[in-house]
Amino acid sequence: MSSVHKVNYKQLAISLAISLGIGVLSGIITMVGMDDFKSANKPPLTPPDYLFPIVWTILFILMGISAYIIYRSDALEKSNALIVYGIQLLVNFFWPIFFFNMSAYLFSFIWIIILWLLIILMIKMFYPISKTAALLQIPYLIWVTFAAYLNFGVFLLN
């Protein structure tokens, strides 16, 4: 087995800790604003509240694994790809703060569109380095697309 395919568990743990840490920290900060959201009018297809942390945890794990794969690659483009990954993580971190804590629904919608575009760019940059890493981001893109629909619906209904 070549060294490229051996799992470096320390690096994988760090990658997972970064992505999950962003999600957990953002979640803790936004817990304060959840009461306003619970009383807000929501669009059709809004999932039950308990589903959101489950889905986001899975997505942050997939993000961490994907970033780890890119980090371990020998590709020259990996630095730029990881920079885009970091930027989208930062944008992701702030979206729930704008949406839940500030109830800035229109601004949050614009922000999530920026996130959506960054995810597409990240997938595009990951793909030549690792198809697997790129494909691991597809559920994230789908969920953020759905979240954008929910965000816009909340904006229209409130």
Protein backbone atom coordinates (compact mmCIF):
# COMPACT_ATOMS: atom_id res chain seq x y z
CA MET A 1 0.00 0.00 0.00
CA SER A 2 1.49 3.37 -0.97
CA SER A 3 1.82 6.14 1.58
CA VAL A 4 -0.79 8.18 -0.31
CA HIS A 5 -3.45 5.57 0.56
CA LYS A 6 -2.47 5.05 4.20
CA VAL A 7 -4.69 6.90 6.60
CA ASN A 8 -2.95 9.40 8.84
CA TYR A 9 -5.39 9.31 11.74
CA LYS A 10 -3.96 12.41 13.40
CA GLN A 11 -4.43 14.49 10.25
CA LEU A 12 -7.90 13.02 9.71
CA ALA A 13 -8.85 13.83 13.31
CA ILE A 14 -7.62 17.40 12.89
CA SER A 15 -9.56 17.80 9.66
CA LEU A 16 -12.72 16.44 11.29
CA ALA A 17 -12.18 18.59 14.39
CA ILE A 18 -11.92 21.73 12.26
CA SER A 19 -15.09 21.10 10.29
CA LEU A 20 -17.12 19.77 13.23
CA GLY A 21 -15.73 22.50 15.49
CA ILE A 22 -17.00 25.19 13.13
CA GLY A 23 -20.42 23.56 13.12
CA VAL A 24 -20.59 23.07 16.88
CA LEU A 25 -19.42 26.61 17.65
CA SER A 26 -21.89 28.11 15.21
CA GLY A 27 -24.63 25.91 16.66
CA ILE A 28 -23.86 27.01 20.22
CA ILE A 29 -23.89 30.67 19.22
CA THR A 30 -27.21 30.34 17.37
CA MET A 31 -29.05 28.48 20.15
CA VAL A 32 -30.03 31.89 21.54
CA GLY A 33 -31.88 32.84 18.35
CA MET A 34 -33.85 29.63 17.94
CA ASP A 35 -36.96 30.90 19.73
CA ASP A 36 -37.64 33.50 17.04
CA PHE A 37 -37.22 30.88 14.33
CA LYS A 38 -39.54 28.42 16.05
CA SER A 39 -42.31 31.03 16.03
CA ALA A 40 -41.62 32.18 12.44
CA ASN A 41 -43.80 31.16 9.52
CA LYS A 42 -42.05 28.47 7.48
CA PRO A 43 -42.41 27.28 3.89
CA PRO A 44 -43.74 23.87 2.86
CA LEU A 45 -41.29 20.96 3.21
CA THR A 46 -39.64 22.43 6.30
CA PRO A 47 -38.19 19.43 8.15
CA PRO A 48 -38.68 18.88 11.89
CA ASP A 49 -36.23 20.75 14.12
CA TYR A 50 -34.46 17.59 15.30
CA LEU A 51 -33.34 16.78 11.75
CA PHE A 52 -31.14 19.86 11.26
CA PRO A 53 -28.32 18.96 13.70
CA ILE A 54 -28.27 15.38 12.44
CA VAL A 55 -27.91 16.44 8.80
CA TRP A 56 -25.36 19.14 9.58
CA THR A 57 -23.24 16.75 11.65
CA ILE A 58 -23.13 14.29 8.75
CA LEU A 59 -22.27 17.09 6.32
CA PHE A 60 -19.47 18.45 8.52
CA ILE A 61 -18.03 14.94 8.78
CA LEU A 62 -18.13 14.59 4.98
CA MET A 63 -16.49 18.02 4.64
CA GLY A 64 -13.73 17.02 7.04
CA ILE A 65 -13.04 13.75 5.22
CA SER A 66 -13.06 15.55 1.88
CA ALA A 67 -10.62 18.21 3.09
CA TYR A 68 -8.38 15.50 4.53
CA ILE A 69 -8.27 13.73 1.14
CA ILE A 70 -7.28 16.98 -0.57
CA TYR A 71 -4.70 17.79 2.12
CA ARG A 72 -3.06 14.38 1.71
CA SER A 73 -2.83 14.65 -2.06
CA ASP A 74 0.34 15.55 -3.93
CA ALA A 75 -1.51 17.94 -6.25
CA LEU A 76 0.01 21.37 -6.72
CA GLU A 77 -3.48 22.92 -6.71
CA LYS A 78 -4.33 21.61 -3.24
CA SER A 79 -3.39 24.85 -1.46
CA ASN A 80 -5.84 26.94 -3.48
CA ALA A 81 -8.53 24.28 -3.10
CA LEU A 82 -8.05 24.25 0.68
CA ILE A 83 -8.18 28.05 0.80
CA VAL A 84 -11.59 27.95 -0.92
CA TYR A 85 -12.61 25.20 1.53
CA GLY A 86 -11.61 27.43 4.46
CA ILE A 87 -13.44 30.44 3.04
CA GLN A 88 -16.64 28.47 2.53
CA LEU A 89 -16.35 27.11 6.10
CA LEU A 90 -16.10 30.69 7.36
CA VAL A 91 -19.11 31.77 5.27
CA ASN A 92 -20.98 28.69 6.54
CA PHE A 93 -20.12 29.64 10.14
CA PHE A 94 -21.75 33.07 9.85
CA TRP A 95 -24.92 32.12 7.96
CA PRO A 96 -26.85 30.74 10.98
CA ILE A 97 -25.80 33.74 13.06
CA PHE A 98 -27.28 36.10 10.47
CA PHE A 99 -30.36 33.93 10.03
CA PHE A 100 -31.20 32.78 13.57
CA ASN A 101 -29.63 35.38 15.86
CA MET A 102 -30.19 38.48 13.76
CA SER A 103 -33.32 37.34 11.86
CA ALA A 104 -31.77 39.06 8.82
CA TYR A 105 -33.62 36.80 6.42
CA LEU A 106 -32.94 38.65 3.16
CA PHE A 107 -29.28 39.21 3.99
CA SER A 108 -29.02 35.56 5.04
CA PHE A 109 -30.46 34.49 1.71
CA ILE A 110 -27.85 36.52 -0.18
CA TRP A 111 -25.19 35.08 2.15
CA ILE A 112 -26.31 31.49 1.55
CA ILE A 113 -26.19 32.09 -2.22
CA ILE A 114 -22.57 33.17 -1.77
CA LEU A 115 -22.00 29.96 0.22
CA TRP A 116 -23.69 27.93 -2.53
CA LEU A 117 -21.39 29.48 -5.17
CA LEU A 118 -18.34 28.79 -2.99
CA ILE A 119 -19.39 25.14 -2.60
CA ILE A 120 -19.66 24.81 -6.38
CA LEU A 121 -16.22 26.40 -6.77
CA MET A 122 -14.81 24.09 -4.10
CA ILE A 123 -16.25 21.01 -5.82
CA LYS A 124 -14.82 22.23 -9.13
CA MET A 125 -11.39 22.70 -7.53
CA PHE A 126 -11.50 19.38 -5.65
CA TYR A 127 -12.56 17.30 -8.66
CA PRO A 128 -9.23 17.30 -10.58
CA ILE A 129 -7.40 16.51 -7.33
CA SER A 130 -9.78 13.82 -6.07
CA LYS A 131 -13.10 12.81 -7.55
CA THR A 132 -13.97 11.20 -4.21
CA ALA A 133 -13.33 14.43 -2.29
CA ALA A 134 -15.46 16.35 -4.78
CA LEU A 135 -18.31 13.84 -4.68
CA LEU A 136 -18.33 13.89 -0.87
CA GLN A 137 -19.40 17.55 -1.17
CA ILE A 138 -22.50 16.83 -3.29
CA PRO A 139 -24.80 16.14 -0.29
CA TYR A 140 -23.62 19.46 1.17
CA LEU A 141 -24.47 21.28 -2.05
CA ILE A 142 -27.91 19.64 -2.15
CA TRP A 143 -28.63 20.51 1.49
CA VAL A 144 -27.49 24.12 1.08
CA THR A 145 -29.72 24.37 -2.00
CA PHE A 146 -32.62 23.18 0.15
CA ALA A 147 -31.57 25.51 2.99
CA ALA A 148 -31.59 28.43 0.53
CA TYR A 149 -35.17 27.52 -0.42
CA LEU A 150 -36.13 27.42 3.27
CA ASN A 151 -34.30 30.70 3.92
CA PHE A 152 -36.08 32.45 1.05
CA GLY A 153 -39.41 31.00 2.17
CA VAL A 154 -38.92 32.30 5.70
CA PHE A 155 -38.00 35.70 4.25
CA LEU A 156 -41.17 35.82 2.14
CA LEU A 157 -43.46 34.58 4.90
CA ASN A 158 -42.17 36.84 7.67
